[in-house]
Amino acid sequence: MIYTTNAIESVNMSLRKITKNRVSFPSDASLIKLFYLALRNISERWNRPIKDWEGALNRFSIEFEDRLYPS
């Protein structure tokens, strides 16, 4: 799987999703805490290996050998 979504837009979308249903926050500190926890969860997803990447890389090496392994 190849991800084509811009990383910054992905983070913004995730943060918007978290705050969408909340009308107000008791303080700025509560919003900052919410964003901190959300960013921690988002960053965990980025550390996971890409599903089926080995198979995709094998196929790319066949199709685009000159681009992946330039001489």
PDB file of N, CA and C in Angstrom:
ATOM      1  N   MET A   1       0.834  -1.160   0.000  1.00  0.00           N
ATOM      2  CA  MET A   1       0.000   0.000   0.000  1.00  0.00           C
ATOM      3  C   MET A   1       0.888   1.235   0.000  1.00  0.00           C
ATOM      4  N   ILE A   2       0.578   2.182  -0.831  1.00  0.00           N
ATOM      5  CA  ILE A   2       1.326   3.428  -0.888  1.00  0.00           C
ATOM      6  C   ILE A   2       0.423   4.539  -0.367  1.00  0.00           C
ATOM      7  N   TYR A   3       0.906   5.260   0.631  1.00  0.00           N
ATOM      8  CA  TYR A   3       0.128   6.348   1.181  1.00  0.00           C
ATOM      9  C   TYR A   3       0.399   7.615   0.378  1.00  0.00           C
ATOM     10  N   THR A   4      -0.643   8.245  -0.118  1.00  0.00           N
ATOM     11  CA  THR A   4      -0.482   9.454  -0.908  1.00  0.00           C
ATOM     12  C   THR A   4      -0.967  10.683  -0.171  1.00  0.00           C
ATOM     13  N   THR A   5      -1.507  10.522   1.019  1.00  0.00           N
ATOM     14  CA  THR A   5      -2.022  11.649   1.777  1.00  0.00           C
ATOM     15  C   THR A   5      -0.870  12.423   2.396  1.00  0.00           C
ATOM     16  N   ASN A   6      -0.959  13.724   2.294  1.00  0.00           N
ATOM     17  CA  ASN A   6       0.039  14.585   2.897  1.00  0.00           C
ATOM     18  C   ASN A   6       0.012  14.381   4.413  1.00  0.00           C
ATOM     19  N   ALA A   7       1.158  14.223   5.022  1.00  0.00           N
ATOM     20  CA  ALA A   7       1.239  13.928   6.457  1.00  0.00           C
ATOM     21  C   ALA A   7       0.633  15.041   7.299  1.00  0.00           C
ATOM     22  N   ILE A   8       0.860  16.282   6.928  1.00  0.00           N
ATOM     23  CA  ILE A   8       0.317  17.399   7.709  1.00  0.00           C
ATOM     24  C   ILE A   8      -1.199  17.417   7.632  1.00  0.00           C
ATOM     25  N   GLU A   9      -1.744  17.190   6.453  1.00  0.00           N
ATOM     26  CA  GLU A   9      -3.202  17.154   6.306  1.00  0.00           C
ATOM     27  C   GLU A   9      -3.795  15.989   7.088  1.00  0.00           C
ATOM     28  N   SER A  10      -3.091  14.906   7.149  1.00  0.00           N
ATOM     29  CA  SER A  10      -3.560  13.754   7.919  1.00  0.00           C
ATOM     30  C   SER A  10      -3.634  14.084   9.407  1.00  0.00           C
ATOM     31  N   VAL A  11      -2.628  14.760   9.916  1.00  0.00           N
ATOM     32  CA  VAL A  11      -2.637  15.158  11.322  1.00  0.00           C
ATOM     33  C   VAL A  11      -3.771  16.147  11.582  1.00  0.00           C
ATOM     34  N   ASN A  12      -3.913  17.143  10.697  1.00  0.00           N
ATOM     35  CA  ASN A  12      -4.992  18.126  10.861  1.00  0.00           C
ATOM     36  C   ASN A  12      -6.359  17.454  10.860  1.00  0.00           C
ATOM     37  N   MET A  13      -6.576  16.515   9.965  1.00  0.00           N
ATOM     38  CA  MET A  13      -7.855  15.821   9.900  1.00  0.00           C
ATOM     39  C   MET A  13      -8.113  15.056  11.196  1.00  0.00           C
ATOM     40  N   SER A  14      -7.094  14.409  11.716  1.00  0.00           N
ATOM     41  CA  SER A  14      -7.257  13.648  12.956  1.00  0.00           C
ATOM     42  C   SER A  14      -7.597  14.568  14.126  1.00  0.00           C
ATOM     43  N   LEU A  15      -6.956  15.717  14.199  1.00  0.00           N
ATOM     44  CA  LEU A  15      -7.247  16.657  15.277  1.00  0.00           C
ATOM     45  C   LEU A  15      -8.638  17.266  15.124  1.00  0.00           C
ATOM     46  N   ARG A  16      -9.043  17.557  13.906  1.00  0.00           N
ATOM     47  CA  ARG A  16     -10.396  18.075  13.675  1.00  0.00           C
ATOM     48  C   ARG A  16     -11.441  17.050  14.077  1.00  0.00           C
ATOM     49  N   LYS A  17     -11.169  15.791  13.778  1.00  0.00           N
ATOM     50  CA  LYS A  17     -12.109  14.722  14.112  1.00  0.00           C
ATOM     51  C   LYS A  17     -12.314  14.642  15.628  1.00  0.00           C
ATOM     52  N   ILE A  18     -11.264  14.859  16.382  1.00  0.00           N
ATOM     53  CA  ILE A  18     -11.345  14.782  17.840  1.00  0.00           C
ATOM     54  C   ILE A  18     -12.134  15.953  18.418  1.00  0.00           C
ATOM     55  N   THR A  19     -11.976  17.148  17.853  1.00  0.00           N
ATOM     56  CA  THR A  19     -12.617  18.336  18.418  1.00  0.00           C
ATOM     57  C   THR A  19     -13.965  18.644  17.777  1.00  0.00           C
ATOM     58  N   LYS A  20     -14.364  17.922  16.769  1.00  0.00           N
ATOM     59  CA  LYS A  20     -15.577  18.242  16.012  1.00  0.00           C
ATOM     60  C   LYS A  20     -16.834  18.256  16.873  1.00  0.00           C
ATOM     61  N   ASN A  21     -17.029  17.299  17.724  1.00  0.00           N
ATOM     62  CA  ASN A  21     -18.261  17.183  18.496  1.00  0.00           C
ATOM     63  C   ASN A  21     -18.223  17.910  19.833  1.00  0.00           C
ATOM     64  N   ARG A  22     -17.117  18.504  20.168  1.00  0.00           N
ATOM     65  CA  ARG A  22     -17.012  19.230  21.439  1.00  0.00           C
ATOM     66  C   ARG A  22     -17.295  20.703  21.186  1.00  0.00           C
ATOM     67  N   VAL A  23     -18.264  21.248  21.921  1.00  0.00           N
ATOM     68  CA  VAL A  23     -18.674  22.639  21.711  1.00  0.00           C
ATOM     69  C   VAL A  23     -17.660  23.600  22.319  1.00  0.00           C
ATOM     70  N   SER A  24     -17.226  23.320  23.531  1.00  0.00           N
ATOM     71  CA  SER A  24     -16.275  24.208  24.187  1.00  0.00           C
ATOM     72  C   SER A  24     -15.378  23.394  25.115  1.00  0.00           C
ATOM     73  N   PHE A  25     -14.308  24.045  25.527  1.00  0.00           N
ATOM     74  CA  PHE A  25     -13.372  23.429  26.453  1.00  0.00           C
ATOM     75  C   PHE A  25     -13.302  24.303  27.701  1.00  0.00           C
ATOM     76  N   PRO A  26     -13.179  23.694  28.876  1.00  0.00           N
ATOM     77  CA  PRO A  26     -13.152  24.487  30.110  1.00  0.00           C
ATOM     78  C   PRO A  26     -11.965  25.449  30.178  1.00  0.00           C
ATOM     79  N   SER A  27     -10.860  25.053  29.566  1.00  0.00           N
ATOM     80  CA  SER A  27      -9.675  25.925  29.584  1.00  0.00           C
ATOM     81  C   SER A  27      -8.795  25.592  28.387  1.00  0.00           C
ATOM     82  N   ASP A  28      -7.830  26.468  28.145  1.00  0.00           N
ATOM     83  CA  ASP A  28      -6.866  26.204  27.083  1.00  0.00           C
ATOM     84  C   ASP A  28      -6.020  24.978  27.411  1.00  0.00           C
ATOM     85  N   ALA A  29      -5.748  24.796  28.695  1.00  0.00           N
ATOM     86  CA  ALA A  29      -4.937  23.651  29.118  1.00  0.00           C
ATOM     87  C   ALA A  29      -5.627  22.335  28.784  1.00  0.00           C
ATOM     88  N   SER A  30      -6.954  22.288  28.904  1.00  0.00           N
ATOM     89  CA  SER A  30      -7.663  21.044  28.587  1.00  0.00           C
ATOM     90  C   SER A  30      -7.575  20.726  27.095  1.00  0.00           C
ATOM     91  N   LEU A  31      -7.626  21.748  26.252  1.00  0.00           N
ATOM     92  CA  LEU A  31      -7.467  21.537  24.812  1.00  0.00           C
ATOM     93  C   LEU A  31      -6.056  21.064  24.480  1.00  0.00           C
ATOM     94  N   ILE A  32      -5.086  21.655  25.118  1.00  0.00           N
ATOM     95  CA  ILE A  32      -3.693  21.260  24.883  1.00  0.00           C
ATOM     96  C   ILE A  32      -3.459  19.814  25.320  1.00  0.00           C
ATOM     97  N   LYS A  33      -4.045  19.421  26.451  1.00  0.00           N
ATOM     98  CA  LYS A  33      -3.920  18.034  26.911  1.00  0.00           C
ATOM     99  C   LYS A  33      -4.575  17.068  25.928  1.00  0.00           C
ATOM    100  N   LEU A  34      -5.738  17.456  25.422  1.00  0.00           N
ATOM    101  CA  LEU A  34      -6.430  16.615  24.441  1.00  0.00           C
ATOM    102  C   LEU A  34      -5.588  16.453  23.176  1.00  0.00           C
ATOM    103  N   PHE A  35      -5.018  17.553  22.692  1.00  0.00           N
ATOM    104  CA  PHE A  35      -4.173  17.483  21.498  1.00  0.00           C
ATOM    105  C   PHE A  35      -2.915  16.657  21.760  1.00  0.00           C
ATOM    106  N   TYR A  36      -2.342  16.783  22.955  1.00  0.00           N
ATOM    107  CA  TYR A  36      -1.151  16.001  23.287  1.00  0.00           C
ATOM    108  C   TYR A  36      -1.447  14.503  23.213  1.00  0.00           C
ATOM    109  N   LEU A  37      -2.550  14.100  23.836  1.00  0.00           N
ATOM    110  CA  LEU A  37      -2.910  12.684  23.816  1.00  0.00           C
ATOM    111  C   LEU A  37      -3.236  12.214  22.401  1.00  0.00           C
ATOM    112  N   ALA A  38      -3.907  13.051  21.643  1.00  0.00           N
ATOM    113  CA  ALA A  38      -4.247  12.691  20.267  1.00  0.00           C
ATOM    114  C   ALA A  38      -2.987  12.537  19.425  1.00  0.00           C
ATOM    115  N   LEU A  39      -2.052  13.474  19.554  1.00  0.00           N
ATOM    116  CA  LEU A  39      -0.807  13.389  18.773  1.00  0.00           C
ATOM    117  C   LEU A  39       0.015  12.174  19.172  1.00  0.00           C
ATOM    118  N   ARG A  40      -0.032  11.800  20.445  1.00  0.00           N
ATOM    119  CA  ARG A  40       0.672  10.596  20.879  1.00  0.00           C
ATOM    120  C   ARG A  40       0.084   9.359  20.203  1.00  0.00           C
ATOM    121  N   ASN A  41      -1.248   9.297  20.114  1.00  0.00           N
ATOM    122  CA  ASN A  41      -1.896   8.166  19.447  1.00  0.00           C
ATOM    123  C   ASN A  41      -1.635   8.178  17.946  1.00  0.00           C
ATOM    124  N   ILE A  42      -1.644   9.355  17.347  1.00  0.00           N
ATOM    125  CA  ILE A  42      -1.385   9.465  15.911  1.00  0.00           C
ATOM    126  C   ILE A  42       0.034   9.008  15.591  1.00  0.00           C
ATOM    127  N   SER A  43       0.992   9.404  16.407  1.00  0.00           N
ATOM    128  CA  SER A  43       2.387   9.036  16.137  1.00  0.00           C
ATOM    129  C   SER A  43       2.609   7.533  16.284  1.00  0.00           C
ATOM    130  N   GLU A  44       1.826   6.862  17.114  1.00  0.00           N
ATOM    131  CA  GLU A  44       1.948   5.407  17.232  1.00  0.00           C
ATOM    132  C   GLU A  44       1.568   4.728  15.924  1.00  0.00           C
ATOM    133  N   ARG A  45       0.569   5.254  15.235  1.00  0.00           N
ATOM    134  CA  ARG A  45       0.162   4.666  13.951  1.00  0.00           C
ATOM    135  C   ARG A  45       1.265   4.791  12.917  1.00  0.00           C
ATOM    136  N   TRP A  46       2.052   5.871  12.978  1.00  0.00           N
ATOM    137  CA  TRP A  46       3.105   6.078  11.993  1.00  0.00           C
ATOM    138  C   TRP A  46       4.276   5.129  12.196  1.00  0.00           C
ATOM    139  N   ASN A  47       4.403   4.559  13.364  1.00  0.00           N
ATOM    140  CA  ASN A  47       5.515   3.648  13.642  1.00  0.00           C
ATOM    141  C   ASN A  47       5.210   2.206  13.270  1.00  0.00           C
ATOM    142  N   ARG A  48       3.981   1.938  12.912  1.00  0.00           N
ATOM    143  CA  ARG A  48       3.610   0.579  12.531  1.00  0.00           C
ATOM    144  C   ARG A  48       4.113   0.289  11.117  1.00  0.00           C
ATOM    145  N   PRO A  49       4.500  -0.941  10.860  1.00  0.00           N
ATOM    146  CA  PRO A  49       4.924  -1.276   9.489  1.00  0.00           C
ATOM    147  C   PRO A  49       3.734  -1.231   8.530  1.00  0.00           C
ATOM    148  N   ILE A  50       4.016  -0.910   7.297  1.00  0.00           N
ATOM    149  CA  ILE A  50       2.986  -0.843   6.273  1.00  0.00           C
ATOM    150  C   ILE A  50       2.569  -2.257   5.900  1.00  0.00           C
ATOM    151  N   LYS A  51       1.281  -2.488   5.872  1.00  0.00           N
ATOM    152  CA  LYS A  51       0.734  -3.809   5.587  1.00  0.00           C
ATOM    153  C   LYS A  51       1.114  -4.235   4.160  1.00  0.00           C
ATOM    154  N   ASP A  52       1.606  -5.441   4.016  1.00  0.00           N
ATOM    155  CA  ASP A  52       1.969  -6.034   2.725  1.00  0.00           C
ATOM    156  C   ASP A  52       3.030  -5.239   1.971  1.00  0.00           C
ATOM    157  N   TRP A  53       3.896  -4.504   2.684  1.00  0.00           N
ATOM    158  CA  TRP A  53       4.911  -3.709   2.011  1.00  0.00           C
ATOM    159  C   TRP A  53       5.928  -4.588   1.286  1.00  0.00           C
ATOM    160  N   GLU A  54       6.264  -5.729   1.848  1.00  0.00           N
ATOM    161  CA  GLU A  54       7.267  -6.599   1.231  1.00  0.00           C
ATOM    162  C   GLU A  54       6.808  -7.066  -0.146  1.00  0.00           C
ATOM    163  N   GLY A  55       5.540  -7.446  -0.270  1.00  0.00           N
ATOM    164  CA  GLY A  55       5.005  -7.859  -1.567  1.00  0.00           C
ATOM    165  C   GLY A  55       4.977  -6.712  -2.558  1.00  0.00           C
ATOM    166  N   ALA A  56       4.613  -5.526  -2.089  1.00  0.00           N
ATOM    167  CA  ALA A  56       4.593  -4.358  -2.966  1.00  0.00           C
ATOM    168  C   ALA A  56       6.006  -4.013  -3.428  1.00  0.00           C
ATOM    169  N   LEU A  57       6.953  -4.056  -2.518  1.00  0.00           N
ATOM    170  CA  LEU A  57       8.335  -3.743  -2.881  1.00  0.00           C
ATOM    171  C   LEU A  57       8.886  -4.747  -3.886  1.00  0.00           C
ATOM    172  N   ASN A  58       8.551  -6.013  -3.727  1.00  0.00           N
ATOM    173  CA  ASN A  58       8.976  -7.016  -4.704  1.00  0.00           C
ATOM    174  C   ASN A  58       8.412  -6.702  -6.086  1.00  0.00           C
ATOM    175  N   ARG A  59       7.150  -6.332  -6.134  1.00  0.00           N
ATOM    176  CA  ARG A  59       6.524  -6.003  -7.422  1.00  0.00           C
ATOM    177  C   ARG A  59       7.148  -4.745  -8.021  1.00  0.00           C
ATOM    178  N   PHE A  60       7.416  -3.742  -7.184  1.00  0.00           N
ATOM    179  CA  PHE A  60       8.056  -2.527  -7.689  1.00  0.00           C
ATOM    180  C   PHE A  60       9.449  -2.811  -8.223  1.00  0.00           C
ATOM    181  N   SER A  61      10.166  -3.715  -7.567  1.00  0.00           N
ATOM    182  CA  SER A  61      11.522  -4.023  -8.035  1.00  0.00           C
ATOM    183  C   SER A  61      11.496  -4.710  -9.399  1.00  0.00           C
ATOM    184  N   ILE A  62      10.429  -5.434  -9.696  1.00  0.00           N
ATOM    185  CA  ILE A  62      10.297  -6.047 -11.023  1.00  0.00           C
ATOM    186  C   ILE A  62       9.931  -4.993 -12.066  1.00  0.00           C
ATOM    187  N   GLU A  63       8.938  -4.168 -11.739  1.00  0.00           N
ATOM    188  CA  GLU A  63       8.444  -3.162 -12.682  1.00  0.00           C
ATOM    189  C   GLU A  63       9.419  -2.012 -12.889  1.00  0.00           C
ATOM    190  N   PHE A  64      10.026  -1.544 -11.805  1.00  0.00           N
ATOM    191  CA  PHE A  64      10.827  -0.317 -11.856  1.00  0.00           C
ATOM    192  C   PHE A  64      12.251  -0.563 -11.361  1.00  0.00           C
ATOM    193  N   GLU A  65      12.859  -1.617 -11.842  1.00  0.00           N
ATOM    194  CA  GLU A  65      14.194  -1.986 -11.365  1.00  0.00           C
ATOM    195  C   GLU A  65      15.195  -0.856 -11.550  1.00  0.00           C
ATOM    196  N   ASP A  66      15.136  -0.184 -12.702  1.00  0.00           N
ATOM    197  CA  ASP A  66      16.098   0.886 -12.965  1.00  0.00           C
ATOM    198  C   ASP A  66      15.882   2.092 -12.059  1.00  0.00           C
ATOM    199  N   ARG A  67      14.655   2.282 -11.551  1.00  0.00           N
ATOM    200  CA  ARG A  67      14.396   3.413 -10.652  1.00  0.00           C
ATOM    201  C   ARG A  67      14.725   3.095  -9.203  1.00  0.00           C
ATOM    202  N   LEU A  68      14.487   1.872  -8.777  1.00  0.00           N
ATOM    203  CA  LEU A  68      14.752   1.490  -7.391  1.00  0.00           C
ATOM    204  C   LEU A  68      16.226   1.228  -7.150  1.00  0.00           C
ATOM    205  N   TYR A  69      16.866   0.636  -8.113  1.00  0.00           N
ATOM    206  CA  TYR A  69      18.267   0.279  -7.958  1.00  0.00           C
ATOM    207  C   TYR A  69      19.071   0.854  -9.123  1.00  0.00           C
ATOM    208  N   PRO A  70      19.315   2.175  -9.116  1.00  0.00           N
ATOM    209  CA  PRO A  70      20.041   2.766 -10.243  1.00  0.00           C
ATOM    210  C   PRO A  70      21.493   2.289 -10.291  1.00  0.00           C
ATOM    211  N   SER A  71      22.021   2.184 -11.484  1.00  0.00           N
ATOM    212  CA  SER A  71      23.400   1.706 -11.653  1.00  0.00           C
ATOM    213  C   SER A  71      24.395   2.815 -11.497  1.00  0.00           C
TER     214      SER A  71
END
